Amino acid sequence: DGRRVFAASASINAIKAGRPLSVAEALGKHCDLTSPPKKSLLRLLAESCGDPAEKDRLLAMVCTAGKATYKKQVVEGELNLLDILEEFPSCKPGVEDLIEFLPALAPREYSVSSAAEVHANE
């Protein structure tokens, strides 16, 4: 959509110095959507759940007693944000909040061996 958000998180601010970004640009170019969500993001998602059972399941993973469940299901299961949103469809976080809690996309390493000039004939 054409909505714009301000880069609120420190990680995105470091990249864009607070200039408005489209939602697509913020999520597609600056946020890591593939890493397992941290517990703080799961807490945010839990608070945005419309279904109390889904909220309770998410909160159970982020409490001290749920450490093993979080590790097994999220970390070892290599779940990402999309996986979580599919499993908990009543979670409807605000896009600004979501961007705030997502980690910044790590910079891609670049070397001469990956330069287009080196592989121009391929």
Protein backbone atom coordinates (compact mmCIF):
# COMPACT_ATOMS: atom_id res chain seq x y z
CA ASP A 1 0.00 0.00 0.00
CA GLY A 2 1.04 3.63 -0.20
CA ARG A 3 1.24 4.22 3.55
CA ARG A 4 4.44 5.67 4.89
CA VAL A 5 5.99 5.10 8.26
CA PHE A 6 8.76 6.85 10.08
CA ALA A 7 11.74 4.69 10.82
CA ALA A 8 11.26 4.47 14.54
CA SER A 9 13.66 1.78 15.64
CA ALA A 10 17.29 2.54 16.31
CA SER A 11 18.39 0.02 13.71
CA ILE A 12 16.36 1.54 10.91
CA ASN A 13 17.12 5.09 12.07
CA ALA A 14 20.78 4.29 11.71
CA ILE A 15 20.11 3.40 8.08
CA LYS A 16 17.62 6.07 7.08
CA ALA A 17 18.04 8.80 9.73
CA GLY A 18 14.32 9.09 10.39
CA ARG A 19 13.14 9.84 6.87
CA PRO A 20 9.69 8.48 5.96
CA LEU A 21 9.77 5.06 4.33
CA SER A 22 7.04 3.19 2.53
CA VAL A 23 5.89 0.13 4.43
CA ALA A 24 7.16 -2.02 1.57
CA GLU A 25 10.60 -0.38 1.69
CA ALA A 26 10.87 -0.64 5.47
CA LEU A 27 9.89 -4.31 5.55
CA GLY A 28 11.47 -5.38 2.28
CA LYS A 29 14.80 -3.60 2.44
CA HIS A 30 15.56 -2.88 6.08
CA CYS A 31 13.91 -5.47 8.34
CA ASP A 32 14.99 -9.07 8.85
CA LEU A 33 11.85 -11.12 8.30
CA THR A 34 13.59 -14.50 8.13
CA SER A 35 15.22 -14.87 11.54
CA PRO A 36 13.38 -16.52 14.40
CA PRO A 37 11.43 -13.80 16.26
CA LYS A 38 12.84 -12.69 19.59
CA LYS A 39 10.69 -13.01 22.69
CA SER A 40 10.01 -9.26 22.70
CA LEU A 41 8.41 -9.58 19.25
CA LEU A 42 6.35 -12.56 20.39
CA ARG A 43 5.13 -10.46 23.35
CA LEU A 44 4.08 -7.72 20.93
CA LEU A 45 2.27 -10.26 18.78
CA ALA A 46 0.55 -11.73 21.83
CA GLU A 47 -0.75 -8.31 22.83
CA SER A 48 -2.22 -7.88 19.34
CA CYS A 49 -4.05 -11.24 19.33
CA GLY A 50 -7.82 -11.12 19.17
CA ASP A 51 -8.09 -14.76 20.24
CA PRO A 52 -7.34 -15.21 23.97
CA ALA A 53 -6.15 -18.80 23.40
CA GLU A 54 -3.58 -17.65 20.83
CA LYS A 55 -2.47 -14.85 23.13
CA ASP A 56 -1.99 -17.33 25.98
CA ARG A 57 0.03 -19.72 23.77
CA LEU A 58 2.38 -16.92 22.70
CA LEU A 59 2.76 -15.57 26.23
CA ALA A 60 3.51 -19.09 27.47
CA MET A 61 6.50 -19.23 25.12
CA VAL A 62 7.99 -15.96 26.37
CA CYS A 63 7.70 -16.56 30.11
CA THR A 64 10.52 -18.16 32.07
CA ALA A 65 8.70 -21.50 32.24
CA GLY A 66 8.30 -21.50 28.45
CA LYS A 67 12.01 -21.21 27.67
CA ALA A 68 12.28 -24.81 26.42
CA THR A 69 9.13 -24.47 24.31
CA TYR A 70 10.42 -21.26 22.71
CA LYS A 71 13.77 -22.87 21.98
CA LYS A 72 12.26 -26.02 20.50
CA GLN A 73 9.40 -24.49 18.51
CA VAL A 74 10.82 -21.13 17.42
CA VAL A 75 14.61 -21.35 17.44
CA GLU A 76 15.20 -25.01 16.57
CA GLY A 77 12.06 -25.09 14.43
CA GLU A 78 13.51 -22.11 12.53
CA LEU A 79 10.20 -20.27 12.54
CA ASN A 80 10.13 -16.77 11.12
CA LEU A 81 7.61 -13.96 11.45
CA LEU A 82 5.43 -15.25 8.62
CA ASP A 83 5.30 -18.72 10.18
CA ILE A 84 4.18 -17.21 13.49
CA LEU A 85 1.54 -15.01 11.85
CA GLU A 86 0.18 -18.03 9.96
CA GLU A 87 0.03 -20.11 13.14
CA PHE A 88 -1.58 -17.28 15.12
CA PRO A 89 -3.94 -15.62 12.61
CA SER A 90 -5.68 -13.41 15.16
CA CYS A 91 -2.42 -11.47 15.73
CA LYS A 92 -2.78 -8.11 14.03
CA PRO A 93 0.14 -5.94 15.14
CA GLY A 94 0.39 -2.36 13.95
CA VAL A 95 2.95 -1.95 11.21
CA GLU A 96 4.85 0.74 13.12
CA ASP A 97 5.08 -1.52 16.18
CA LEU A 98 6.14 -4.45 14.04
CA ILE A 99 8.92 -2.46 12.40
CA GLU A 100 10.06 -1.25 15.82
CA PHE A 101 10.56 -4.83 17.04
CA LEU A 102 12.04 -6.42 13.92
CA PRO A 103 15.82 -6.60 13.73
CA ALA A 104 17.59 -4.69 10.99
CA LEU A 105 18.56 -6.63 7.92
CA ALA A 106 22.26 -7.48 8.12
CA PRO A 107 24.39 -5.86 5.44
CA ARG A 108 25.32 -8.16 2.59
CA GLU A 109 28.99 -8.92 2.32
CA TYR A 110 30.51 -7.95 -1.00
CA SER A 111 33.77 -9.12 -2.43
CA VAL A 112 35.61 -8.87 -5.72
CA SER A 113 34.65 -12.47 -6.48
CA SER A 114 30.97 -11.49 -6.50
CA ALA A 115 31.46 -8.31 -8.53
CA ALA A 116 29.61 -8.13 -11.84
CA GLU A 117 32.78 -6.93 -13.58
CA VAL A 118 34.57 -10.17 -12.68
CA HIS A 119 31.72 -12.31 -14.04
CA ALA A 120 30.65 -10.11 -16.96
CA ASN A 121 30.65 -12.98 -19.48
CA GLU A 122 28.59 -15.36 -17.34
